[in-house]
Amino acid sequence: MNDAPSTQTPQRRWFGPGLEELGAAHVAVAMEQVPVFNDYQPMGDWHVDVEKSTFRQGDVTVGMAPLGTFGTDGSWLWAWANEHMHPPGSPRLAPVLALRNIGERHDIPELVTPRLELSEFADPRMAAERLSIAAMGALGARGYGGVTANTGARFYMVMNDPAIPAAEFDAVTLPRMIMQALEVFPHDHRATATGYLNRHGFRVKHSPAGGITAERPDCAVQLEFDDQGRLGNISVQPSPGNREGSAGA
C-alpha cells in the first residue's frame, strides 16, 4: 500500500531537552567508535538472526541487541514494545530495557514511550539515526546499524560484541571529533566536550572564565566558549617528549 502524501509540512528538528542532553553527552564517543566498527565489519551481504542476537555482514558475525524499528510511515517502535518480534523476558532485550531505565530515571519521554512519531520531524530518517547514536553512546555499545527489511521498515540494533575493537584516543583528531559531534547533537557544547574528555581519561576542570582545561599524561586540552555556551576554540598541546605535535580548531 502506498503512503498517502502528507498535507502538513513536518516542523520538528530536535527531540526533547532530556534526550538532546543525553545525546550531547555521548555523541562524540559514539561517532568516534562508529568507523572502528565499520572497519571491523565492512560492507557486504547481511543477515540478522534475532533469536541468536547476531548480525552477519560479509564474512564477519557480531553479537547485537535489538533497538527498535523505523517504519515506512515514519514511526519508531522500541524493541521492548514489539512483543510480536521480541517476547517479554527475552534476554536480547536487556540493553534496550536498560536504556528505558535511563529514560525513567532522567525523565526522558522518548525513551519510555513505546511508539514515537518521527514523521513529525523534518527528516524522519535522520531522527532515527540520531536516536540510535544517542542510544549507542548511552549504552556504551561498540557500534550500531540499521538494515532495511523486505517490508521497507528499517531494523536498528546496537552491537554489544566485545570482539569489536574500542576506539583509541588520538590527540590529533580530538578537535575534529568534537566539532563533528556538535553537528549531530548541538544542544550542549560543554556536555559534548566533557563527555568525550572523561571517556578518554582526562582530568577535567571548568575555569572561572567559563572555559575547560583537561589533562592526561600525554597531552593537555583547553576549550573556550562564547557567552551562549558555544565552543569557539580547541587547543591541544602534547606533554614533553610526546611526538604527536599539537592540534587546534
C-alpha atoms as a PDB file:
ATOM      1  CA  MET A   1       0.000   0.000   0.000  1.00  0.00           C
ATOM      2  CA  ASN A   2       1.382   3.411  -0.922  1.00  0.00           C
ATOM      3  CA  ASP A   3       1.637   6.044   1.765  1.00  0.00           C
ATOM      4  CA  ALA A   4      -0.694   8.999   1.178  1.00  0.00           C
ATOM      5  CA  PRO A   5       1.115  12.289   0.679  1.00  0.00           C
ATOM      6  CA  SER A   6       1.301  14.415   3.789  1.00  0.00           C
ATOM      7  CA  THR A   7      -0.848  17.518   3.889  1.00  0.00           C
ATOM      8  CA  GLN A   8       1.340  19.094   6.560  1.00  0.00           C
ATOM      9  CA  THR A   9       4.994  20.028   6.419  1.00  0.00           C
ATOM     10  CA  PRO A  10       6.933  18.445   9.312  1.00  0.00           C
ATOM     11  CA  GLN A  11       8.401  21.134  11.521  1.00  0.00           C
ATOM     12  CA  ARG A  12      10.303  19.389  14.318  1.00  0.00           C
ATOM     13  CA  ARG A  13      14.057  19.150  14.171  1.00  0.00           C
ATOM     14  CA  TRP A  14      15.056  18.293  17.712  1.00  0.00           C
ATOM     15  CA  PHE A  15      13.938  15.856  20.404  1.00  0.00           C
ATOM     16  CA  GLY A  16      13.008  16.993  23.892  1.00  0.00           C
ATOM     17  CA  PRO A  17      15.700  18.571  26.083  1.00  0.00           C
ATOM     18  CA  GLY A  18      16.344  15.381  28.041  1.00  0.00           C
ATOM     19  CA  LEU A  19      17.204  13.287  25.000  1.00  0.00           C
ATOM     20  CA  GLU A  20      19.150  16.117  23.374  1.00  0.00           C
ATOM     21  CA  GLU A  21      21.215  16.406  26.559  1.00  0.00           C
ATOM     22  CA  LEU A  22      21.791  12.654  26.675  1.00  0.00           C
ATOM     23  CA  GLY A  23      22.850  12.621  23.038  1.00  0.00           C
ATOM     24  CA  ALA A  24      25.139  15.606  23.507  1.00  0.00           C
ATOM     25  CA  ALA A  25      26.940  13.892  26.378  1.00  0.00           C
ATOM     26  CA  HIS A  26      27.636  10.711  24.394  1.00  0.00           C
ATOM     27  CA  VAL A  27      27.693  11.635  20.707  1.00  0.00           C
ATOM     28  CA  ALA A  28      31.433  12.321  20.326  1.00  0.00           C
ATOM     29  CA  VAL A  29      32.385   8.959  21.811  1.00  0.00           C
ATOM     30  CA  ALA A  30      29.777   7.165  19.707  1.00  0.00           C
ATOM     31  CA  MET A  31      30.822   8.848  16.472  1.00  0.00           C
ATOM     32  CA  GLU A  32      34.460   8.042  17.180  1.00  0.00           C
ATOM     33  CA  GLN A  33      33.534   4.371  17.627  1.00  0.00           C
ATOM     34  CA  VAL A  34      31.347   4.025  14.516  1.00  0.00           C
ATOM     35  CA  PRO A  35      34.206   3.979  11.947  1.00  0.00           C
ATOM     36  CA  VAL A  36      36.088   1.458  14.086  1.00  0.00           C
ATOM     37  CA  PHE A  37      33.090  -0.852  13.906  1.00  0.00           C
ATOM     38  CA  ASN A  38      32.702  -0.212  10.173  1.00  0.00           C
ATOM     39  CA  ASP A  39      36.333  -1.188   9.603  1.00  0.00           C
ATOM     40  CA  TYR A  40      35.844  -4.349  11.661  1.00  0.00           C
ATOM     41  CA  GLN A  41      32.731  -5.360   9.762  1.00  0.00           C
ATOM     42  CA  PRO A  42      32.938  -3.915   6.230  1.00  0.00           C
ATOM     43  CA  MET A  43      30.077  -3.712   3.744  1.00  0.00           C
ATOM     44  CA  GLY A  44      28.634  -6.892   2.251  1.00  0.00           C
ATOM     45  CA  ASP A  45      25.558  -9.108   2.225  1.00  0.00           C
ATOM     46  CA  TRP A  46      23.925  -9.112   5.618  1.00  0.00           C
ATOM     47  CA  HIS A  47      21.785 -11.406   7.762  1.00  0.00           C
ATOM     48  CA  VAL A  48      20.114 -10.769  11.122  1.00  0.00           C
ATOM     49  CA  ASP A  49      19.373 -13.700  13.435  1.00  0.00           C
ATOM     50  CA  VAL A  50      17.029 -12.211  16.000  1.00  0.00           C
ATOM     51  CA  GLU A  51      16.817 -15.383  18.089  1.00  0.00           C
ATOM     52  CA  LYS A  52      20.595 -15.735  18.349  1.00  0.00           C
ATOM     53  CA  SER A  53      21.120 -11.966  18.640  1.00  0.00           C
ATOM     54  CA  THR A  54      23.706 -11.904  15.874  1.00  0.00           C
ATOM     55  CA  PHE A  55      24.347  -9.745  12.836  1.00  0.00           C
ATOM     56  CA  ARG A  56      26.400 -11.032   9.929  1.00  0.00           C
ATOM     57  CA  GLN A  57      27.730  -8.778   7.227  1.00  0.00           C
ATOM     58  CA  GLY A  58      30.154 -10.154   4.691  1.00  0.00           C
ATOM     59  CA  ASP A  59      32.065 -12.884   6.476  1.00  0.00           C
ATOM     60  CA  VAL A  60      32.006 -11.247   9.933  1.00  0.00           C
ATOM     61  CA  THR A  61      29.377 -12.060  12.575  1.00  0.00           C
ATOM     62  CA  VAL A  62      28.935  -9.986  15.718  1.00  0.00           C
ATOM     63  CA  GLY A  63      26.649 -10.033  18.703  1.00  0.00           C
ATOM     64  CA  MET A  64      23.902  -7.440  18.673  1.00  0.00           C
ATOM     65  CA  ALA A  65      20.868  -6.318  20.643  1.00  0.00           C
ATOM     66  CA  PRO A  66      17.658  -5.029  19.016  1.00  0.00           C
ATOM     67  CA  LEU A  67      16.992  -1.347  19.486  1.00  0.00           C
ATOM     68  CA  GLY A  68      13.862  -0.513  17.513  1.00  0.00           C
ATOM     69  CA  THR A  69      12.116  -0.454  14.151  1.00  0.00           C
ATOM     70  CA  PHE A  70      11.697   2.572  11.912  1.00  0.00           C
ATOM     71  CA  GLY A  71       8.562   2.042   9.849  1.00  0.00           C
ATOM     72  CA  THR A  72       7.708   3.229   6.357  1.00  0.00           C
ATOM     73  CA  ASP A  73       5.136   5.540   7.953  1.00  0.00           C
ATOM     74  CA  GLY A  74       7.876   7.344   9.881  1.00  0.00           C
ATOM     75  CA  SER A  75       7.098   5.714  13.215  1.00  0.00           C
ATOM     76  CA  TRP A  76       9.658   4.314  15.638  1.00  0.00           C
ATOM     77  CA  LEU A  77       8.756   1.271  17.755  1.00  0.00           C
ATOM     78  CA  TRP A  78      11.111   0.333  20.561  1.00  0.00           C
ATOM     79  CA  ALA A  79      12.108  -3.332  20.650  1.00  0.00           C
ATOM     80  CA  TRP A  80      10.703  -3.779  24.160  1.00  0.00           C
ATOM     81  CA  ALA A  81       7.299  -2.660  22.855  1.00  0.00           C
ATOM     82  CA  ASN A  82       7.372  -5.021  19.857  1.00  0.00           C
ATOM     83  CA  GLU A  83       6.118  -8.134  21.628  1.00  0.00           C
ATOM     84  CA  HIS A  84       5.425  -9.961  18.361  1.00  0.00           C
ATOM     85  CA  MET A  85       9.116  -9.899  17.446  1.00  0.00           C
ATOM     86  CA  HIS A  86      10.598  -9.791  20.945  1.00  0.00           C
ATOM     87  CA  PRO A  87       8.536 -11.611  23.601  1.00  0.00           C
ATOM     88  CA  PRO A  88       8.751 -10.051  27.070  1.00  0.00           C
ATOM     89  CA  GLY A  89      11.582 -11.554  29.075  1.00  0.00           C
ATOM     90  CA  SER A  90      13.787 -12.208  26.045  1.00  0.00           C
ATOM     91  CA  PRO A  91      17.438 -11.857  27.126  1.00  0.00           C
ATOM     92  CA  ARG A  92      18.172  -9.847  23.986  1.00  0.00           C
ATOM     93  CA  LEU A  93      16.006  -7.023  25.357  1.00  0.00           C
ATOM     94  CA  ALA A  94      18.337  -6.331  28.310  1.00  0.00           C
ATOM     95  CA  PRO A  95      20.216  -3.412  26.661  1.00  0.00           C
ATOM     96  CA  VAL A  96      17.136  -1.621  25.351  1.00  0.00           C
ATOM     97  CA  LEU A  97      15.418  -2.103  28.719  1.00  0.00           C
ATOM     98  CA  ALA A  98      18.486  -0.556  30.364  1.00  0.00           C
ATOM     99  CA  LEU A  99      18.008   2.383  28.017  1.00  0.00           C
ATOM    100  CA  ARG A 100      14.370   2.622  29.078  1.00  0.00           C
ATOM    101  CA  ASN A 101      15.512   2.680  32.699  1.00  0.00           C
ATOM    102  CA  ILE A 102      17.746   5.648  31.861  1.00  0.00           C
ATOM    103  CA  GLY A 103      14.689   7.356  30.460  1.00  0.00           C
ATOM    104  CA  GLU A 104      12.710   6.662  33.616  1.00  0.00           C
ATOM    105  CA  ARG A 105      15.464   7.943  35.913  1.00  0.00           C
ATOM    106  CA  HIS A 106      16.126  11.119  33.932  1.00  0.00           C
ATOM    107  CA  ASP A 107      12.591  11.836  32.725  1.00  0.00           C
ATOM    108  CA  ILE A 108      13.279  11.379  29.015  1.00  0.00           C
ATOM    109  CA  PRO A 109       9.878  10.712  27.387  1.00  0.00           C
ATOM    110  CA  GLU A 110      11.324   9.419  24.098  1.00  0.00           C
ATOM    111  CA  LEU A 111      12.991   6.501  25.881  1.00  0.00           C
ATOM    112  CA  VAL A 112       9.873   5.329  27.732  1.00  0.00           C
ATOM    113  CA  THR A 113       7.200   5.922  25.082  1.00  0.00           C
ATOM    114  CA  PRO A 114       6.594   2.691  23.118  1.00  0.00           C
ATOM    115  CA  ARG A 115       5.972   4.381  19.756  1.00  0.00           C
ATOM    116  CA  LEU A 116       7.421   7.661  18.523  1.00  0.00           C
ATOM    117  CA  GLU A 117       6.044   9.530  15.542  1.00  0.00           C
ATOM    118  CA  LEU A 118       9.249  10.542  13.798  1.00  0.00           C
ATOM    119  CA  SER A 119       7.160  11.618  10.809  1.00  0.00           C
ATOM    120  CA  GLU A 120       6.719  14.871  12.735  1.00  0.00           C
ATOM    121  CA  PHE A 121      10.375  15.649  12.097  1.00  0.00           C
ATOM    122  CA  ALA A 122      11.670  17.500   9.056  1.00  0.00           C
ATOM    123  CA  ASP A 123      13.921  14.485   8.371  1.00  0.00           C
ATOM    124  CA  PRO A 124      12.413  11.336   9.965  1.00  0.00           C
ATOM    125  CA  ARG A 125      15.263   9.071   8.842  1.00  0.00           C
ATOM    126  CA  MET A 126      17.832  11.391  10.387  1.00  0.00           C
ATOM    127  CA  ALA A 127      15.771  11.444  13.584  1.00  0.00           C
ATOM    128  CA  ALA A 128      16.003   7.634  13.702  1.00  0.00           C
ATOM    129  CA  GLU A 129      19.761   7.811  13.179  1.00  0.00           C
ATOM    130  CA  ARG A 130      20.206  10.427  15.912  1.00  0.00           C
ATOM    131  CA  LEU A 131      18.073   8.361  18.275  1.00  0.00           C
ATOM    132  CA  SER A 132      20.249   5.309  17.561  1.00  0.00           C
ATOM    133  CA  ILE A 133      23.514   7.215  18.036  1.00  0.00           C
ATOM    134  CA  ALA A 134      22.314   8.533  21.391  1.00  0.00           C
ATOM    135  CA  ALA A 135      21.305   5.006  22.429  1.00  0.00           C
ATOM    136  CA  MET A 136      24.637   3.557  21.323  1.00  0.00           C
ATOM    137  CA  GLY A 137      26.550   6.137  23.336  1.00  0.00           C
ATOM    138  CA  ALA A 138      24.403   5.850  26.452  1.00  0.00           C
ATOM    139  CA  LEU A 139      24.753   2.042  26.411  1.00  0.00           C
ATOM    140  CA  GLY A 140      28.490   2.103  25.707  1.00  0.00           C
ATOM    141  CA  ALA A 141      27.956  -0.134  22.673  1.00  0.00           C
ATOM    142  CA  ARG A 142      30.674  -0.902  20.120  1.00  0.00           C
ATOM    143  CA  GLY A 143      28.554   0.183  17.161  1.00  0.00           C
ATOM    144  CA  TYR A 144      25.070   0.476  15.765  1.00  0.00           C
ATOM    145  CA  GLY A 145      23.421  -0.401  12.495  1.00  0.00           C
ATOM    146  CA  GLY A 146      20.205  -0.234  10.542  1.00  0.00           C
ATOM    147  CA  VAL A 147      19.137  -2.640   7.814  1.00  0.00           C
ATOM    148  CA  THR A 148      16.085  -2.465   5.574  1.00  0.00           C
ATOM    149  CA  ALA A 149      13.733  -5.464   5.596  1.00  0.00           C
ATOM    150  CA  ASN A 150      11.569  -6.625   2.692  1.00  0.00           C
ATOM    151  CA  THR A 151       8.683  -4.620   4.119  1.00  0.00           C
ATOM    152  CA  GLY A 152      10.659  -1.396   3.745  1.00  0.00           C
ATOM    153  CA  ALA A 153      10.970  -0.923   7.503  1.00  0.00           C
ATOM    154  CA  ARG A 154      14.445  -0.488   8.981  1.00  0.00           C
ATOM    155  CA  PHE A 155      15.600  -2.657  11.863  1.00  0.00           C
ATOM    156  CA  TYR A 156      18.036  -0.861  14.174  1.00  0.00           C
ATOM    157  CA  MET A 157      20.397  -2.580  16.579  1.00  0.00           C
ATOM    158  CA  VAL A 158      23.375  -1.851  18.787  1.00  0.00           C
ATOM    159  CA  MET A 159      26.479  -4.000  18.622  1.00  0.00           C
ATOM    160  CA  ASN A 160      27.498  -5.323  22.024  1.00  0.00           C
ATOM    161  CA  ASP A 161      30.214  -7.752  20.928  1.00  0.00           C
ATOM    162  CA  PRO A 162      33.468  -7.343  22.932  1.00  0.00           C
ATOM    163  CA  ALA A 163      35.399  -8.667  19.932  1.00  0.00           C
ATOM    164  CA  ILE A 164      34.793  -5.327  18.191  1.00  0.00           C
ATOM    165  CA  PRO A 165      37.781  -3.076  18.992  1.00  0.00           C
ATOM    166  CA  ALA A 166      37.202   0.049  21.036  1.00  0.00           C
ATOM    167  CA  ALA A 167      38.309   3.362  19.557  1.00  0.00           C
ATOM    168  CA  GLU A 168      41.666   4.580  20.834  1.00  0.00           C
ATOM    169  CA  PHE A 169      42.433   8.160  21.724  1.00  0.00           C
ATOM    170  CA  ASP A 170      44.204  10.290  19.138  1.00  0.00           C
ATOM    171  CA  ALA A 171      45.169  13.821  20.151  1.00  0.00           C
ATOM    172  CA  VAL A 172      45.433  14.919  16.519  1.00  0.00           C
ATOM    173  CA  THR A 173      41.815  14.042  15.734  1.00  0.00           C
ATOM    174  CA  LEU A 174      40.358  15.329  19.036  1.00  0.00           C
ATOM    175  CA  PRO A 175      39.239  18.741  17.693  1.00  0.00           C
ATOM    176  CA  ARG A 176      37.666  17.194  14.609  1.00  0.00           C
ATOM    177  CA  MET A 177      35.819  14.542  16.616  1.00  0.00           C
ATOM    178  CA  ILE A 178      34.259  17.111  18.936  1.00  0.00           C
ATOM    179  CA  MET A 179      33.326  19.505  16.129  1.00  0.00           C
ATOM    180  CA  GLN A 180      31.728  16.732  14.071  1.00  0.00           C
ATOM    181  CA  ALA A 181      29.785  15.575  17.117  1.00  0.00           C
ATOM    182  CA  LEU A 182      28.405  19.090  17.614  1.00  0.00           C
ATOM    183  CA  GLU A 183      26.925  18.970  14.118  1.00  0.00           C
ATOM    184  CA  VAL A 184      24.793  15.971  15.140  1.00  0.00           C
ATOM    185  CA  PHE A 185      23.887  16.974  18.716  1.00  0.00           C
ATOM    186  CA  PRO A 186      24.472  20.727  19.129  1.00  0.00           C
ATOM    187  CA  HIS A 187      22.316  21.038  22.257  1.00  0.00           C
ATOM    188  CA  ASP A 188      25.112  21.403  24.847  1.00  0.00           C
ATOM    189  CA  HIS A 189      28.652  22.022  23.652  1.00  0.00           C
ATOM    190  CA  ARG A 190      30.122  21.714  27.139  1.00  0.00           C
ATOM    191  CA  ALA A 191      28.454  18.367  27.740  1.00  0.00           C
ATOM    192  CA  THR A 192      29.757  17.035  24.433  1.00  0.00           C
ATOM    193  CA  ALA A 193      33.313  18.101  25.143  1.00  0.00           C
ATOM    194  CA  THR A 194      33.224  16.927  28.765  1.00  0.00           C
ATOM    195  CA  GLY A 195      31.748  13.546  27.854  1.00  0.00           C
ATOM    196  CA  TYR A 196      34.470  12.932  25.285  1.00  0.00           C
ATOM    197  CA  LEU A 197      37.297  14.045  27.577  1.00  0.00           C
ATOM    198  CA  ASN A 198      36.038  11.965  30.503  1.00  0.00           C
ATOM    199  CA  ARG A 199      35.808   8.906  28.255  1.00  0.00           C
ATOM    200  CA  HIS A 200      39.495   9.218  27.435  1.00  0.00           C
ATOM    201  CA  GLY A 201      40.741   9.650  30.964  1.00  0.00           C
ATOM    202  CA  PHE A 202      41.266  13.408  31.148  1.00  0.00           C
ATOM    203  CA  ARG A 203      41.140  15.287  34.426  1.00  0.00           C
ATOM    204  CA  VAL A 204      38.581  17.929  33.526  1.00  0.00           C
ATOM    205  CA  LYS A 205      38.384  21.337  35.203  1.00  0.00           C
ATOM    206  CA  HIS A 206      35.983  24.194  34.484  1.00  0.00           C
ATOM    207  CA  SER A 207      37.747  27.541  34.667  1.00  0.00           C
ATOM    208  CA  PRO A 208      36.190  30.647  36.291  1.00  0.00           C
ATOM    209  CA  ALA A 209      36.225  32.299  32.856  1.00  0.00           C
ATOM    210  CA  GLY A 210      33.886  29.615  31.536  1.00  0.00           C
ATOM    211  CA  GLY A 211      36.396  27.513  29.653  1.00  0.00           C
ATOM    212  CA  ILE A 212      37.536  23.944  30.166  1.00  0.00           C
ATOM    213  CA  THR A 213      41.038  22.698  30.854  1.00  0.00           C
ATOM    214  CA  ALA A 214      41.770  18.983  30.744  1.00  0.00           C
ATOM    215  CA  GLU A 215      44.915  16.923  31.196  1.00  0.00           C
ATOM    216  CA  ARG A 216      46.126  13.381  30.782  1.00  0.00           C
ATOM    217  CA  PRO A 217      49.718  12.098  30.776  1.00  0.00           C
ATOM    218  CA  ASP A 218      50.312  12.638  27.051  1.00  0.00           C
ATOM    219  CA  CYS A 219      48.573  15.972  26.416  1.00  0.00           C
ATOM    220  CA  ALA A 220      46.613  18.937  27.709  1.00  0.00           C
ATOM    221  CA  VAL A 221      43.500  20.479  26.180  1.00  0.00           C
ATOM    222  CA  GLN A 222      41.951  23.923  26.500  1.00  0.00           C
ATOM    223  CA  LEU A 223      38.478  24.761  25.234  1.00  0.00           C
ATOM    224  CA  GLU A 224      36.918  28.213  25.018  1.00  0.00           C
ATOM    225  CA  PHE A 225      33.204  29.004  24.818  1.00  0.00           C
ATOM    226  CA  ASP A 226      31.286  32.151  23.974  1.00  0.00           C
ATOM    227  CA  ASP A 227      28.587  33.796  26.086  1.00  0.00           C
ATOM    228  CA  GLN A 228      25.961  31.396  24.687  1.00  0.00           C
ATOM    229  CA  GLY A 229      27.980  28.304  25.567  1.00  0.00           C
ATOM    230  CA  ARG A 230      29.112  27.600  22.020  1.00  0.00           C
ATOM    231  CA  LEU A 231      32.538  26.108  21.542  1.00  0.00           C
ATOM    232  CA  GLY A 232      34.864  28.606  19.915  1.00  0.00           C
ATOM    233  CA  ASN A 233      38.371  27.206  20.120  1.00  0.00           C
ATOM    234  CA  ILE A 234      40.146  23.956  20.975  1.00  0.00           C
ATOM    235  CA  SER A 235      43.852  23.834  21.727  1.00  0.00           C
ATOM    236  CA  VAL A 236      45.719  20.550  22.189  1.00  0.00           C
ATOM    237  CA  GLN A 237      49.279  20.608  23.486  1.00  0.00           C
ATOM    238  CA  PRO A 238      51.402  17.469  23.846  1.00  0.00           C
ATOM    239  CA  SER A 239      53.308  16.713  27.001  1.00  0.00           C
ATOM    240  CA  PRO A 240      57.108  16.956  26.802  1.00  0.00           C
ATOM    241  CA  GLY A 241      58.506  14.047  24.838  1.00  0.00           C
ATOM    242  CA  ASN A 242      55.252  13.382  23.002  1.00  0.00           C
ATOM    243  CA  ARG A 243      55.899  13.265  19.275  1.00  0.00           C
ATOM    244  CA  GLU A 244      52.356  13.804  18.076  1.00  0.00           C
ATOM    245  CA  GLY A 245      52.680  17.562  17.888  1.00  0.00           C
ATOM    246  CA  SER A 246      49.785  19.887  18.582  1.00  0.00           C
ATOM    247  CA  ALA A 247      46.356  20.332  17.103  1.00  0.00           C
ATOM    248  CA  GLY A 248      43.779  23.083  17.200  1.00  0.00           C
ATOM    249  CA  ALA A 249      40.426  24.128  15.866  1.00  0.00           C
END
